[in-house]
C-alpha atoms as a PDB file:
ATOM      1  CA  MET A   1      18.624 -21.498 -14.999  1.00  0.00           C
ATOM      2  CA  THR A   2      19.530 -25.328 -14.294  1.00  0.00           C
ATOM      3  CA  ARG A   3      16.738 -27.679 -13.366  1.00  0.00           C
ATOM      4  CA  ASN A   4      18.462 -28.294 -10.175  1.00  0.00           C
ATOM      5  CA  GLN A   5      18.672 -24.291  -9.584  1.00  0.00           C
ATOM      6  CA  LYS A   6      15.366 -23.939 -10.319  1.00  0.00           C
ATOM      7  CA  THR A   7      14.280 -26.868  -7.478  1.00  0.00           C
ATOM      8  CA  PHE A   8      16.389 -25.110  -4.747  1.00  0.00           C
ATOM      9  CA  ALA A   9      14.720 -21.615  -5.475  1.00  0.00           C
ATOM     10  CA  LEU A  10      11.178 -23.044  -5.681  1.00  0.00           C
ATOM     11  CA  GLY A  11      12.299 -24.851  -2.277  1.00  0.00           C
ATOM     12  CA  LEU A  12      13.654 -21.453  -0.843  1.00  0.00           C
ATOM     13  CA  ALA A  13      10.526 -19.569  -1.817  1.00  0.00           C
ATOM     14  CA  LEU A  14       8.375 -22.060  -0.012  1.00  0.00           C
ATOM     15  CA  ALA A  15      10.734 -21.715   2.894  1.00  0.00           C
ATOM     16  CA  VAL A  16      10.241 -18.359   3.289  1.00  0.00           C
ATOM     17  CA  SER A  17       6.634 -18.122   2.578  1.00  0.00           C
ATOM     18  CA  LEU A  18       6.625 -20.361   5.893  1.00  0.00           C
ATOM     19  CA  ILE A  19       8.003 -17.887   7.933  1.00  0.00           C
ATOM     20  CA  ARG A  20       5.046 -15.903  10.035  1.00  0.00           C
ATOM     21  CA  GLY A  21       4.161 -13.104   8.568  1.00  0.00           C
ATOM     22  CA  THR A  22       6.684 -13.087   5.619  1.00  0.00           C
ATOM     23  CA  GLN A  23       4.877 -12.013   2.048  1.00  0.00           C
ATOM     24  CA  TYR A  24       6.402 -11.103  -1.509  1.00  0.00           C
ATOM     25  CA  PHE A  25       6.762  -7.502  -1.666  1.00  0.00           C
ATOM     26  CA  PRO A  26       8.314  -6.386  -5.151  1.00  0.00           C
ATOM     27  CA  ASP A  27      10.282  -3.906  -3.205  1.00  0.00           C
ATOM     28  CA  ALA A  28      11.755  -6.079  -0.474  1.00  0.00           C
ATOM     29  CA  LEU A  29      13.182  -9.537  -2.083  1.00  0.00           C
ATOM     30  CA  LEU A  30      15.226 -10.501  -4.822  1.00  0.00           C
ATOM     31  CA  LEU A  31      12.908 -12.512  -6.511  1.00  0.00           C
ATOM     32  CA  GLY A  32      14.706 -12.630 -10.064  1.00  0.00           C
ATOM     33  CA  ASP A  33      13.337 -16.379 -12.031  1.00  0.00           C
ATOM     34  CA  MET A  34      11.534 -17.483  -8.901  1.00  0.00           C
ATOM     35  CA  GLY A  35       8.367 -15.949  -9.481  1.00  0.00           C
ATOM     36  CA  ASN A  36       8.420 -17.606 -13.055  1.00  0.00           C
ATOM     37  CA  ASP A  37       8.699 -20.639 -11.348  1.00  0.00           C
ATOM     38  CA  LEU A  38       6.098 -20.148  -8.629  1.00  0.00           C
ATOM     39  CA  TYR A  39       3.354 -18.284 -10.835  1.00  0.00           C
ATOM     40  CA  ALA A  40       4.156 -19.376 -14.944  1.00  0.00           C
ATOM     41  CA  GLN A  41       2.952 -22.415 -14.741  1.00  0.00           C
ATOM     42  CA  GLY A  42      -1.149 -22.359 -15.176  1.00  0.00           C
ATOM     43  CA  ASN A  43      -1.076 -18.814 -14.770  1.00  0.00           C
ATOM     44  CA  LYS A  44      -4.512 -18.019 -16.380  1.00  0.00           C
ATOM     45  CA  TYR A  45      -4.576 -13.816 -15.782  1.00  0.00           C
ATOM     46  CA  ALA A  46      -0.943 -12.690 -16.382  1.00  0.00           C
ATOM     47  CA  TYR A  47      -0.334  -9.358 -16.145  1.00  0.00           C
ATOM     48  CA  LYS A  48      -1.632  -7.355 -19.073  1.00  0.00           C
ATOM     49  CA  GLN A  49      -3.577  -4.146 -20.270  1.00  0.00           C
ATOM     50  CA  TYR A  50      -7.269  -3.654 -20.426  1.00  0.00           C
ATOM     51  CA  ASP A  51      -9.256  -0.834 -21.099  1.00  0.00           C
ATOM     52  CA  ASP A  52      -9.126   1.126 -18.295  1.00  0.00           C
ATOM     53  CA  ARG A  53      -6.033  -0.328 -16.241  1.00  0.00           C
ATOM     54  CA  LYS A  54      -3.380  -3.355 -16.476  1.00  0.00           C
ATOM     55  CA  GLU A  55      -3.779  -6.019 -13.938  1.00  0.00           C
ATOM     56  CA  GLY A  56      -3.065  -9.897 -13.362  1.00  0.00           C
ATOM     57  CA  ILE A  57      -0.097 -11.713 -11.947  1.00  0.00           C
ATOM     58  CA  ILE A  58       3.413 -10.576 -12.211  1.00  0.00           C
ATOM     59  CA  ILE A  59       5.611 -13.171 -13.735  1.00  0.00           C
ATOM     60  CA  SER A  60       8.313 -11.573 -14.828  1.00  0.00           C
ATOM     61  CA  SER A  61      11.509 -11.211 -13.024  1.00  0.00           C
ATOM     62  CA  GLN A  62      11.727  -8.479 -10.469  1.00  0.00           C
ATOM     63  CA  LEU A  63      14.997  -7.313  -9.057  1.00  0.00           C
ATOM     64  CA  VAL A  64      14.929  -5.914  -5.148  1.00  0.00           C
ATOM     65  CA  ALA A  65      15.698  -2.358  -5.261  1.00  0.00           C
ATOM     66  CA  GLY A  66      18.129  -0.575  -3.176  1.00  0.00           C
ATOM     67  CA  GLU A  67      16.315   1.037  -0.205  1.00  0.00           C
ATOM     68  CA  LYS A  68      16.875  -0.022   3.178  1.00  0.00           C
ATOM     69  CA  LEU A  69      12.756   0.656   4.219  1.00  0.00           C
ATOM     70  CA  VAL A  70      10.337   0.617   1.462  1.00  0.00           C
ATOM     71  CA  LEU A  71       6.721   2.193   1.784  1.00  0.00           C
ATOM     72  CA  VAL A  72       4.360  -0.555  -0.262  1.00  0.00           C
ATOM     73  CA  ALA A  73       1.221   0.949   0.769  1.00  0.00           C
ATOM     74  CA  ALA A  74      -1.282   3.911   2.025  1.00  0.00           C
ATOM     75  CA  THR A  75      -4.512   2.929   3.038  1.00  0.00           C
ATOM     76  CA  ILE A  76      -7.708   4.343   5.137  1.00  0.00           C
ATOM     77  CA  ALA A  77      -9.487   2.147   7.375  1.00  0.00           C
ATOM     78  CA  ASN A  78     -12.509   0.888   5.876  1.00  0.00           C
ATOM     79  CA  ASN A  79     -15.405  -0.538   8.302  1.00  0.00           C
ATOM     80  CA  GLU A  80     -17.360  -1.382   5.742  1.00  0.00           C
ATOM     81  CA  PRO A  81     -19.445  -4.840   6.486  1.00  0.00           C
ATOM     82  CA  LEU A  82     -19.045  -7.422   3.744  1.00  0.00           C
ATOM     83  CA  PRO A  83     -21.853  -7.569   1.621  1.00  0.00           C
ATOM     84  CA  GLN A  84     -24.508 -10.421   1.552  1.00  0.00           C
ATOM     85  CA  GLN A  85     -24.217 -11.118  -1.928  1.00  0.00           C
ATOM     86  CA  ASN A  86     -21.111 -10.662  -4.446  1.00  0.00           C
ATOM     87  CA  VAL A  87     -20.673  -7.748  -5.953  1.00  0.00           C
ATOM     88  CA  ASN A  88     -19.595  -7.016  -9.383  1.00  0.00           C
ATOM     89  CA  GLN A  89     -17.032  -4.275  -8.650  1.00  0.00           C
ATOM     90  CA  TYR A  90     -14.348  -3.252  -6.172  1.00  0.00           C
ATOM     91  CA  HIS A  91     -13.427   0.174  -5.969  1.00  0.00           C
ATOM     92  CA  LEU A  92     -10.800   2.666  -4.499  1.00  0.00           C
ATOM     93  CA  GLY A  93     -11.075   6.478  -3.695  1.00  0.00           C
ATOM     94  CA  PHE A  94      -8.904   9.248  -2.859  1.00  0.00           C
ATOM     95  CA  TYR A  95      -9.370  12.913  -2.005  1.00  0.00           C
ATOM     96  CA  LEU A  96      -7.095  15.256  -3.774  1.00  0.00           C
ATOM     97  CA  LYS A  97      -6.310  18.985  -2.444  1.00  0.00           C
ATOM     98  CA  ASP A  98      -5.684  19.742  -6.099  1.00  0.00           C
ATOM     99  CA  PRO A  99      -5.335  18.288  -9.335  1.00  0.00           C
ATOM    100  CA  ALA A 100      -2.417  16.034 -10.019  1.00  0.00           C
ATOM    101  CA  LYS A 101      -0.673  13.009 -11.950  1.00  0.00           C
ATOM    102  CA  LEU A 102      -0.609  10.168  -9.604  1.00  0.00           C
ATOM    103  CA  ASN A 103       1.221   6.955 -10.024  1.00  0.00           C
ATOM    104  CA  ILE A 104      -1.390   4.376  -8.333  1.00  0.00           C
ATOM    105  CA  GLU A 105      -1.218   0.242  -8.213  1.00  0.00           C
ATOM    106  CA  VAL A 106      -2.821  -1.937  -5.807  1.00  0.00           C
ATOM    107  CA  TRP A 107      -1.417  -5.547  -4.588  1.00  0.00           C
ATOM    108  CA  GLU A 108      -1.526  -8.394  -3.229  1.00  0.00           C
ATOM    109  CA  PHE A 109       2.220  -9.480  -2.924  1.00  0.00           C
ATOM    110  CA  GLU A 110       1.753 -13.128  -1.746  1.00  0.00           C
ATOM    111  CA  LYS A 111       0.216 -13.746  -5.226  1.00  0.00           C
ATOM    112  CA  ARG A 112       1.626 -10.818  -7.010  1.00  0.00           C
ATOM    113  CA  TYR A 113      -1.404  -9.747  -8.215  1.00  0.00           C
ATOM    114  CA  LYS A 114      -1.296  -6.310  -9.389  1.00  0.00           C
ATOM    115  CA  MET A 115      -3.819  -3.649 -10.733  1.00  0.00           C
ATOM    116  CA  GLU A 116      -2.864  -0.408 -11.824  1.00  0.00           C
ATOM    117  CA  PRO A 117      -5.219   2.054 -13.678  1.00  0.00           C
ATOM    118  CA  LEU A 118      -4.409   3.195 -16.818  1.00  0.00           C
ATOM    119  CA  GLU A 119      -5.462   7.406 -15.600  1.00  0.00           C
ATOM    120  CA  ASN A 120      -2.741   9.371 -14.235  1.00  0.00           C
ATOM    121  CA  LYS A 121      -4.431  12.560 -14.435  1.00  0.00           C
ATOM    122  CA  TRP A 122      -7.241  13.280 -11.435  1.00  0.00           C
ATOM    123  CA  ASN A 123      -9.080  16.190 -10.877  1.00  0.00           C
ATOM    124  CA  SER A 124      -9.281  17.450  -7.065  1.00  0.00           C
ATOM    125  CA  GLY A 125     -12.184  16.205  -4.828  1.00  0.00           C
ATOM    126  CA  LEU A 126     -13.154  13.303  -4.661  1.00  0.00           C
ATOM    127  CA  GLN A 127     -11.865  10.455  -6.907  1.00  0.00           C
ATOM    128  CA  GLN A 128     -12.907   6.796  -7.834  1.00  0.00           C
ATOM    129  CA  PHE A 129     -11.961   3.768  -9.628  1.00  0.00           C
ATOM    130  CA  ALA A 130     -13.930   0.161 -10.035  1.00  0.00           C
ATOM    131  CA  TRP A 131     -13.015  -2.651 -11.944  1.00  0.00           C
ATOM    132  CA  SER A 132     -14.052  -5.988 -12.001  1.00  0.00           C
ATOM    133  CA  PRO A 133     -12.909  -8.408  -9.466  1.00  0.00           C
ATOM    134  CA  GLU A 134     -13.190 -11.706 -11.554  1.00  0.00           C
ATOM    135  CA  ILE A 135      -9.268 -11.731 -10.925  1.00  0.00           C
ATOM    136  CA  PRO A 136      -8.885 -11.245  -7.687  1.00  0.00           C
ATOM    137  CA  ARG A 137     -11.904 -14.244  -6.782  1.00  0.00           C
ATOM    138  CA  HIS A 138      -9.559 -16.680  -9.697  1.00  0.00           C
ATOM    139  CA  TYR A 139      -7.014 -16.203  -6.904  1.00  0.00           C
ATOM    140  CA  ASN A 140      -8.929 -16.074  -3.959  1.00  0.00           C
ATOM    141  CA  ILE A 141      -7.671 -12.729  -3.219  1.00  0.00           C
ATOM    142  CA  ALA A 142     -10.229 -11.176  -0.726  1.00  0.00           C
ATOM    143  CA  LEU A 143     -10.784  -7.021  -0.599  1.00  0.00           C
ATOM    144  CA  LYS A 144      -9.281  -7.038   2.833  1.00  0.00           C
ATOM    145  CA  ASP A 145      -5.996  -8.712   1.237  1.00  0.00           C
ATOM    146  CA  LEU A 146      -5.130  -5.725  -1.050  1.00  0.00           C
ATOM    147  CA  PHE A 147      -2.907  -2.805  -0.629  1.00  0.00           C
ATOM    148  CA  PRO A 148      -2.764   0.228  -2.596  1.00  0.00           C
ATOM    149  CA  LEU A 149       0.086   2.828  -2.808  1.00  0.00           C
ATOM    150  CA  ALA A 150      -0.673   5.822  -4.927  1.00  0.00           C
ATOM    151  CA  LYS A 151       2.319   8.729  -5.215  1.00  0.00           C
ATOM    152  CA  VAL A 152       2.291  12.247  -6.889  1.00  0.00           C
ATOM    153  CA  ALA A 153       4.308  11.744  -9.825  1.00  0.00           C
ATOM    154  CA  GLY A 154       7.291  14.130 -10.300  1.00  0.00           C
ATOM    155  CA  SER A 155       7.363  14.114  -6.103  1.00  0.00           C
ATOM    156  CA  ARG A 156      10.211  11.986  -5.973  1.00  0.00           C
ATOM    157  CA  ASN A 157       7.832   9.693  -3.993  1.00  0.00           C
ATOM    158  CA  GLN A 158       7.550  12.350  -1.381  1.00  0.00           C
ATOM    159  CA  LYS A 159       4.066  13.135  -1.762  1.00  0.00           C
ATOM    160  CA  ILE A 160       1.142  10.536  -1.216  1.00  0.00           C
ATOM    161  CA  VAL A 161      -1.999   9.742  -1.535  1.00  0.00           C
ATOM    162  CA  PRO A 162      -3.978   7.553   0.759  1.00  0.00           C
ATOM    163  CA  VAL A 163      -6.373   5.154  -0.648  1.00  0.00           C
ATOM    164  CA  VAL A 164      -9.903   3.579   0.608  1.00  0.00           C
ATOM    165  CA  LEU A 165     -10.695   0.085  -1.297  1.00  0.00           C
ATOM    166  CA  TYR A 166     -14.717  -0.460  -0.508  1.00  0.00           C
ATOM    167  CA  TYR A 167     -17.526  -2.649  -2.138  1.00  0.00           C
ATOM    168  CA  VAL A 168     -20.260  -0.280  -1.865  1.00  0.00           C
ATOM    169  CA  LYS A 169     -19.461   2.794   0.510  1.00  0.00           C
ATOM    170  CA  PRO A 170     -16.907   2.905   3.079  1.00  0.00           C
ATOM    171  CA  GLN A 171     -17.586   3.418   6.364  1.00  0.00           C
ATOM    172  CA  GLY A 172     -15.583   4.773   9.735  1.00  0.00           C
ATOM    173  CA  ALA A 173     -16.918   7.281  12.334  1.00  0.00           C
ATOM    174  CA  GLU A 174     -13.221   8.915  11.626  1.00  0.00           C
ATOM    175  CA  VAL A 175     -10.443   8.863   8.878  1.00  0.00           C
ATOM    176  CA  SER A 176      -8.038   6.424   9.819  1.00  0.00           C
ATOM    177  CA  TYR A 177      -4.227   5.821   8.166  1.00  0.00           C
ATOM    178  CA  TYR A 178      -2.359   2.483   7.817  1.00  0.00           C
ATOM    179  CA  PHE A 179       1.327   3.090   6.183  1.00  0.00           C
ATOM    180  CA  TYR A 180       3.024  -0.434   5.454  1.00  0.00           C
ATOM    181  CA  PHE A 181       6.316  -0.806   4.905  1.00  0.00           C
ATOM    182  CA  VAL A 182       9.192  -3.488   4.562  1.00  0.00           C
ATOM    183  CA  ALA A 183      12.706  -3.033   5.966  1.00  0.00           C
ATOM    184  CA  GLN A 184      15.296  -5.043   4.082  1.00  0.00           C
ATOM    185  CA  ASN A 185      17.031  -5.236   7.481  1.00  0.00           C
ATOM    186  CA  GLU A 186      15.873  -5.987  10.861  1.00  0.00           C
ATOM    187  CA  ILE A 187      14.892  -3.168  12.845  1.00  0.00           C
ATOM    188  CA  SER A 188      15.457  -2.215  16.362  1.00  0.00           C
ATOM    189  CA  ILE A 189      13.667   1.271  16.800  1.00  0.00           C
ATOM    190  CA  LEU A 190      11.122   2.798  14.426  1.00  0.00           C
ATOM    191  CA  ALA A 191      10.093   6.010  15.493  1.00  0.00           C
ATOM    192  CA  TYR A 192       7.042   8.177  14.049  1.00  0.00           C
ATOM    193  CA  LYS A 193       5.932  11.308  13.674  1.00  0.00           C
ATOM    194  CA  ILE A 194       2.855  13.382  12.685  1.00  0.00           C
ATOM    195  CA  TYR A 195       2.878  17.024  11.885  1.00  0.00           C
ATOM    196  CA  ALA A 196       0.856  19.413  10.951  1.00  0.00           C
ATOM    197  CA  THR A 197       2.806  21.257   7.753  1.00  0.00           C
ATOM    198  CA  GLY A 198       0.256  24.003   6.601  1.00  0.00           C
ATOM    199  CA  THR A 199       1.989  26.253   8.720  1.00  0.00           C
ATOM    200  CA  GLU A 200       4.467  28.515   8.662  1.00  0.00           C
ATOM    201  CA  MET A 201       6.401  26.087  11.111  1.00  0.00           C
ATOM    202  CA  PRO A 202       5.414  22.490  11.196  1.00  0.00           C
ATOM    203  CA  LYS A 203       3.810  21.228  14.466  1.00  0.00           C
ATOM    204  CA  LEU A 204       3.826  17.669  15.776  1.00  0.00           C
ATOM    205  CA  VAL A 205       0.643  16.363  16.785  1.00  0.00           C
ATOM    206  CA  TYR A 206       1.489  12.850  16.934  1.00  0.00           C
ATOM    207  CA  SER A 207       4.533   9.774  17.819  1.00  0.00           C
ATOM    208  CA  ASP A 208       4.623   6.436  18.537  1.00  0.00           C
ATOM    209  CA  THR A 209       7.377   4.070  18.191  1.00  0.00           C
ATOM    210  CA  LEU A 210       7.771   0.165  17.134  1.00  0.00           C
ATOM    211  CA  GLY A 211      10.291  -2.202  17.963  1.00  0.00           C
ATOM    212  CA  ASP A 212      12.217  -5.277  17.122  1.00  0.00           C
ATOM    213  CA  LEU A 213      10.704  -5.288  13.546  1.00  0.00           C
ATOM    214  CA  ARG A 214      11.944  -8.482  11.804  1.00  0.00           C
ATOM    215  CA  ALA A 215      13.136  -8.319   8.041  1.00  0.00           C
ATOM    216  CA  HIS A 216      10.901  -8.586   5.033  1.00  0.00           C
ATOM    217  CA  GLU A 217       8.047  -8.624   7.051  1.00  0.00           C
ATOM    218  CA  ARG A 218       5.117  -5.903   6.965  1.00  0.00           C
ATOM    219  CA  ILE A 219       5.348  -3.191   9.304  1.00  0.00           C
ATOM    220  CA  SER A 220       2.151  -1.244  10.084  1.00  0.00           C
ATOM    221  CA  VAL A 221       2.525   2.550  11.174  1.00  0.00           C
ATOM    222  CA  ARG A 222      -1.160   3.905  12.316  1.00  0.00           C
ATOM    223  CA  TRP A 223      -2.495   7.460  12.646  1.00  0.00           C
ATOM    224  CA  ARG A 224      -5.979   7.820  13.485  1.00  0.00           C
ATOM    225  CA  GLY A 225      -6.302  11.686  12.489  1.00  0.00           C
ATOM    226  CA  LYS A 226      -5.969  12.682  15.959  1.00  0.00           C
ATOM    227  CA  ASP A 227      -3.502  14.754  18.109  1.00  0.00           C
ATOM    228  CA  ARG A 228      -1.724  13.280  21.306  1.00  0.00           C
ATOM    229  CA  ASN A 229      -4.311  14.249  23.602  1.00  0.00           C
ATOM    230  CA  SER A 230      -6.819  11.964  21.233  1.00  0.00           C
ATOM    231  CA  LEU A 231      -8.866  14.995  19.548  1.00  0.00           C
ATOM    232  CA  ALA A 232      -9.332  14.861  15.753  1.00  0.00           C
ATOM    233  CA  VAL A 233      -7.081  17.243  13.944  1.00  0.00           C
ATOM    234  CA  LYS A 234      -8.528  19.634  10.778  1.00  0.00           C
ATOM    235  CA  SER A 235      -8.748  18.861   7.495  1.00  0.00           C
ATOM    236  CA  GLY A 236      -4.996  19.631   5.820  1.00  0.00           C
ATOM    237  CA  TRP A 237      -1.350  19.042   5.176  1.00  0.00           C
ATOM    238  CA  TYR A 238       0.757  16.755   6.978  1.00  0.00           C
ATOM    239  CA  SER A 239       3.913  14.952   6.773  1.00  0.00           C
ATOM    240  CA  LEU A 240       4.969  11.539   7.953  1.00  0.00           C
ATOM    241  CA  LEU A 241       8.378  11.492   9.302  1.00  0.00           C
ATOM    242  CA  LEU A 242       9.911   7.855  10.230  1.00  0.00           C
ATOM    243  CA  GLU A 243      13.538   7.550  11.704  1.00  0.00           C
ATOM    244  CA  ALA A 244      14.311   3.932  11.552  1.00  0.00           C
ATOM    245  CA  LYS A 245      17.426   2.247  13.830  1.00  0.00           C
ATOM    246  CA  PHE A 246      18.365  -1.166  12.062  1.00  0.00           C
ATOM    247  CA  LYS A 247      20.490  -3.668  14.142  1.00  0.00           C
ATOM    248  CA  ALA A 248      23.162  -3.544  12.082  1.00  0.00           C
ATOM    249  CA  ARG A 249      23.159  -0.818   9.624  1.00  0.00           C
ATOM    250  CA  PRO A 250      23.309   3.029   9.880  1.00  0.00           C
ATOM    251  CA  SER A 251      19.648   4.636  10.328  1.00  0.00           C
ATOM    252  CA  VAL A 252      17.684   5.759   7.649  1.00  0.00           C
ATOM    253  CA  ILE A 253      15.095   8.781   7.787  1.00  0.00           C
ATOM    254  CA  LEU A 254      11.912   9.431   5.449  1.00  0.00           C
ATOM    255  CA  GLU A 255       9.431  11.947   5.095  1.00  0.00           C
ATOM    256  CA  TYR A 256       6.143  11.175   3.462  1.00  0.00           C
ATOM    257  CA  GLN A 257       3.621  14.593   2.515  1.00  0.00           C
ATOM    258  CA  PHE A 258      -0.375  13.779   2.537  1.00  0.00           C
ATOM    259  CA  TYR A 259      -3.688  15.417   2.503  1.00  0.00           C
ATOM    260  CA  HIS A 260      -5.762  14.472   5.302  1.00  0.00           C
ATOM    261  CA  HIS A 261      -9.722  14.917   4.478  1.00  0.00           C
ATOM    262  CA  ALA A 262     -11.165  14.791   8.005  1.00  0.00           C
ATOM    263  CA  ASP A 263     -14.615  14.184   6.482  1.00  0.00           C
ATOM    264  CA  LEU A 264     -13.621  11.681   3.888  1.00  0.00           C
ATOM    265  CA  LEU A 265     -15.624   8.975   5.096  1.00  0.00           C
ATOM    266  CA  GLN A 266     -18.844  11.319   4.947  1.00  0.00           C
ATOM    267  CA  GLU A 267     -18.740  12.050   1.373  1.00  0.00           C
ATOM    268  CA  GLU A 268     -22.055  11.621  -0.422  1.00  0.00           C
ATOM    269  CA  ARG A 269     -20.567  11.122  -3.590  1.00  0.00           C
ATOM    270  CA  PHE A 270     -18.732   7.918  -2.807  1.00  0.00           C
ATOM    271  CA  SER A 271     -21.392   5.251  -4.643  1.00  0.00           C
ATOM    272  CA  ARG A 272     -21.511   2.100  -6.831  1.00  0.00           C
ATOM    273  CA  ARG A 273     -20.106   2.965  -9.889  1.00  0.00           C
END
């Protein structure tokens, strides 16, 4: 890449960053050498392997994936207050109905921070992982800025495990989910439905729609763990079904399966490790 090309790429990246709500999503933008130009200089913590994780700032080239609508995070809301003093660990937690092999990533997209536990075989029940906040703090990345995504290996990305991020112990009166997506193109209508799939016939428990969604911006799909009558649903297997109607492209239908543990935030085993 010539110097003029690099200057143009940097200017383009900065212009994109000024658009309201735009973030650097790894599967949503064609980054190429632009990432190197933005983050290689003065980068103290390049992405590398540590004892129990890979962590740091991604500086290698990344090409856009072919999907029109990409799931970038599946998280559980945490109402834990900010600690009064600095903590020496960040935590992630999740619940598995059965033992599974997971691919877990935690991202901050604008600065391209990534953390990935090396452990990929997890037992059933509540699982936790802790890591040092040294690198996120160096780049002024708060816990609330991080987006986790855990996928069951071998499920063709259709089975996911929502993750809660926390300092000491997550808090909340209910288990409420946020599923974050990024679209390659503008969406006129995004319809999503939650089905209970633990019975022979899937049962619709919740539905909603979003409209006029811009390309390359974070799309938030929320489910509070309740049905259409605002009654809490039972623990069990559920699926998230989405249909995105693009303004200039054919519609896309996606489905993700996950286990809803209604009493997750009341688990006594949540602890500071």
